[in-house]
Amino acid sequence: MLGRILNGYYSDLDGDYYITTNPLVRDGIALLYWIGFTLIVFGWLPSMFTLRILKILENLSGK
C-alpha cells in the first residue's frame, strides 16, 4: 500500500514509468515527499489548534 502511494508520485498510470531509474534518487524523492507531508500534518495543523486553544484560554481568563 505504502509503496503504491510513493510510486504514485513519480510513476505513470501503468506504473512502469519513472522520472529516474536510480532507486536511491527515487527513494530520496519519496522520502522528501513524506517528510514534507508529515511536517505539514503533524507540525502545522497542531500548531494552528494550539494557537486557537491558547487564544480561547486567554479570552476566558481575561473576562
N, C-alpha and C. Protein backbone atom coordinates (compact mmCIF):
# COMPACT_ATOMS: atom_id res chain seq x y z
N MET A 1 0.84 -1.20 0.00
CA MET A 1 0.00 0.00 0.00
C MET A 1 0.87 1.25 0.00
N LEU A 2 1.80 1.31 0.96
CA LEU A 2 2.68 2.48 1.07
C LEU A 2 3.52 2.63 -0.19
N GLY A 3 4.02 1.52 -0.69
CA GLY A 3 4.83 1.54 -1.91
C GLY A 3 4.05 2.08 -3.09
N ARG A 4 2.77 1.71 -3.19
CA ARG A 4 1.94 2.17 -4.29
C ARG A 4 1.71 3.67 -4.19
N ILE A 5 1.51 4.17 -2.96
CA ILE A 5 1.32 5.60 -2.76
C ILE A 5 2.59 6.35 -3.16
N LEU A 6 3.74 5.85 -2.69
CA LEU A 6 5.01 6.50 -3.00
C LEU A 6 5.28 6.47 -4.50
N ASN A 7 5.03 5.32 -5.12
CA ASN A 7 5.26 5.20 -6.56
C ASN A 7 4.36 6.14 -7.35
N GLY A 8 3.20 6.44 -6.80
CA GLY A 8 2.26 7.32 -7.48
C GLY A 8 2.82 8.71 -7.74
N TYR A 9 3.78 9.14 -6.94
CA TYR A 9 4.33 10.48 -7.13
C TYR A 9 5.13 10.59 -8.41
N TYR A 10 5.80 9.52 -8.80
CA TYR A 10 6.67 9.62 -9.96
C TYR A 10 6.54 8.43 -10.90
N SER A 11 5.35 7.87 -10.98
CA SER A 11 5.13 6.79 -11.94
C SER A 11 3.94 7.16 -12.82
N ASP A 12 3.93 6.58 -14.01
CA ASP A 12 2.84 6.81 -14.94
C ASP A 12 1.64 5.98 -14.50
N LEU A 13 0.53 6.09 -15.23
CA LEU A 13 -0.67 5.34 -14.88
C LEU A 13 -0.42 3.83 -14.88
N ASP A 14 0.42 3.37 -15.80
CA ASP A 14 0.70 1.93 -15.86
C ASP A 14 1.71 1.50 -14.80
N GLY A 15 2.32 2.47 -14.10
CA GLY A 15 3.23 2.14 -13.02
C GLY A 15 4.62 1.74 -13.46
N ASP A 16 4.89 1.81 -14.78
CA ASP A 16 6.20 1.36 -15.28
C ASP A 16 7.15 2.52 -15.55
N TYR A 17 6.63 3.72 -15.64
CA TYR A 17 7.48 4.87 -16.00
C TYR A 17 7.93 5.59 -14.74
N TYR A 18 9.22 5.88 -14.66
CA TYR A 18 9.75 6.64 -13.54
C TYR A 18 10.55 7.82 -14.07
N ILE A 19 10.57 8.91 -13.31
CA ILE A 19 11.39 10.06 -13.68
C ILE A 19 12.85 9.62 -13.76
N THR A 20 13.27 8.83 -12.80
CA THR A 20 14.64 8.33 -12.78
C THR A 20 14.62 6.84 -12.47
N THR A 21 15.61 6.13 -12.98
CA THR A 21 15.69 4.69 -12.72
C THR A 21 16.59 4.39 -11.54
N ASN A 22 17.28 5.41 -11.03
CA ASN A 22 18.16 5.22 -9.88
C ASN A 22 17.31 5.04 -8.62
N PRO A 23 17.35 3.87 -7.97
CA PRO A 23 16.49 3.63 -6.81
C PRO A 23 16.80 4.57 -5.64
N LEU A 24 18.07 4.97 -5.50
CA LEU A 24 18.42 5.88 -4.41
C LEU A 24 17.74 7.23 -4.59
N VAL A 25 17.77 7.72 -5.83
CA VAL A 25 17.13 9.01 -6.12
C VAL A 25 15.63 8.90 -5.95
N ARG A 26 15.06 7.79 -6.44
CA ARG A 26 13.62 7.56 -6.30
C ARG A 26 13.22 7.55 -4.84
N ASP A 27 13.96 6.81 -4.02
CA ASP A 27 13.64 6.73 -2.60
C ASP A 27 13.84 8.08 -1.93
N GLY A 28 14.85 8.82 -2.38
CA GLY A 28 15.10 10.15 -1.83
C GLY A 28 13.94 11.08 -2.10
N ILE A 29 13.42 11.03 -3.34
CA ILE A 29 12.27 11.86 -3.70
C ILE A 29 11.07 11.48 -2.84
N ALA A 30 10.83 10.17 -2.71
CA ALA A 30 9.71 9.70 -1.91
C ALA A 30 9.86 10.14 -0.46
N LEU A 31 11.08 10.05 0.05
CA LEU A 31 11.34 10.43 1.44
C LEU A 31 11.07 11.91 1.65
N LEU A 32 11.51 12.74 0.69
CA LEU A 32 11.28 14.18 0.80
C LEU A 32 9.78 14.49 0.80
N TYR A 33 9.03 13.80 -0.08
CA TYR A 33 7.59 13.98 -0.11
C TYR A 33 6.97 13.63 1.24
N TRP A 34 7.38 12.49 1.81
CA TRP A 34 6.78 12.05 3.07
C TRP A 34 7.19 12.92 4.23
N ILE A 35 8.47 13.40 4.22
CA ILE A 35 8.90 14.31 5.29
C ILE A 35 8.08 15.59 5.22
N GLY A 36 7.92 16.12 4.01
CA GLY A 36 7.12 17.34 3.84
C GLY A 36 5.68 17.13 4.27
N PHE A 37 5.11 16.00 3.87
CA PHE A 37 3.72 15.70 4.20
C PHE A 37 3.51 15.59 5.70
N THR A 38 4.41 14.84 6.37
CA THR A 38 4.26 14.65 7.81
C THR A 38 4.52 15.95 8.57
N LEU A 39 5.44 16.78 8.07
CA LEU A 39 5.68 18.07 8.73
C LEU A 39 4.44 18.94 8.65
N ILE A 40 3.77 18.93 7.50
CA ILE A 40 2.55 19.74 7.36
C ILE A 40 1.46 19.20 8.28
N VAL A 41 1.25 17.89 8.24
CA VAL A 41 0.14 17.30 9.00
C VAL A 41 0.40 17.36 10.51
N PHE A 42 1.61 16.98 10.94
CA PHE A 42 1.88 16.88 12.37
C PHE A 42 2.55 18.12 12.95
N GLY A 43 2.97 19.04 12.10
CA GLY A 43 3.60 20.26 12.59
C GLY A 43 2.69 21.46 12.49
N TRP A 44 2.21 21.73 11.27
CA TRP A 44 1.44 22.95 11.04
C TRP A 44 0.04 22.86 11.65
N LEU A 45 -0.68 21.76 11.39
CA LEU A 45 -2.05 21.64 11.87
C LEU A 45 -2.15 21.70 13.40
N PRO A 46 -1.35 20.92 14.15
CA PRO A 46 -1.43 21.02 15.61
C PRO A 46 -1.08 22.40 16.13
N SER A 47 -0.14 23.09 15.46
CA SER A 47 0.23 24.43 15.92
C SER A 47 -0.95 25.38 15.74
N MET A 48 -1.72 25.20 14.68
CA MET A 48 -2.91 26.02 14.48
C MET A 48 -3.92 25.76 15.59
N PHE A 49 -4.14 24.48 15.93
CA PHE A 49 -5.05 24.14 17.01
C PHE A 49 -4.56 24.69 18.33
N THR A 50 -3.25 24.58 18.57
CA THR A 50 -2.67 25.07 19.82
C THR A 50 -2.86 26.56 19.95
N LEU A 51 -2.62 27.30 18.86
CA LEU A 51 -2.80 28.74 18.89
C LEU A 51 -4.25 29.10 19.18
N ARG A 52 -5.17 28.35 18.58
CA ARG A 52 -6.59 28.61 18.78
C ARG A 52 -6.99 28.34 20.23
N ILE A 53 -6.49 27.23 20.79
CA ILE A 53 -6.80 26.87 22.19
C ILE A 53 -6.23 27.93 23.13
N LEU A 54 -4.99 28.37 22.87
CA LEU A 54 -4.38 29.39 23.71
C LEU A 54 -5.18 30.69 23.65
N LYS A 55 -5.68 31.03 22.47
CA LYS A 55 -6.47 32.26 22.33
C LYS A 55 -7.77 32.14 23.11
N ILE A 56 -8.41 30.97 23.05
CA ILE A 56 -9.66 30.74 23.80
C ILE A 56 -9.39 30.86 25.30
N LEU A 57 -8.32 30.20 25.78
CA LEU A 57 -7.97 30.27 27.20
C LEU A 57 -7.67 31.70 27.62
N GLU A 58 -7.00 32.44 26.75
CA GLU A 58 -6.66 33.83 27.04
C GLU A 58 -7.93 34.66 27.18
N ASN A 59 -8.90 34.42 26.30
CA ASN A 59 -10.17 35.15 26.36
C ASN A 59 -10.94 34.80 27.63
N LEU A 60 -10.93 33.52 28.00
CA LEU A 60 -11.66 33.08 29.19
C LEU A 60 -11.05 33.68 30.46
N SER A 61 -9.73 33.68 30.53
CA SER A 61 -9.07 34.20 31.73
C SER A 61 -9.13 35.72 31.78
N GLY A 62 -9.23 36.35 30.63
CA GLY A 62 -9.26 37.81 30.59
C GLY A 62 -10.60 38.39 31.01
N LYS A 63 -11.67 37.63 30.86
CA LYS A 63 -13.02 38.16 31.15
C LYS A 63 -13.40 38.01 32.61
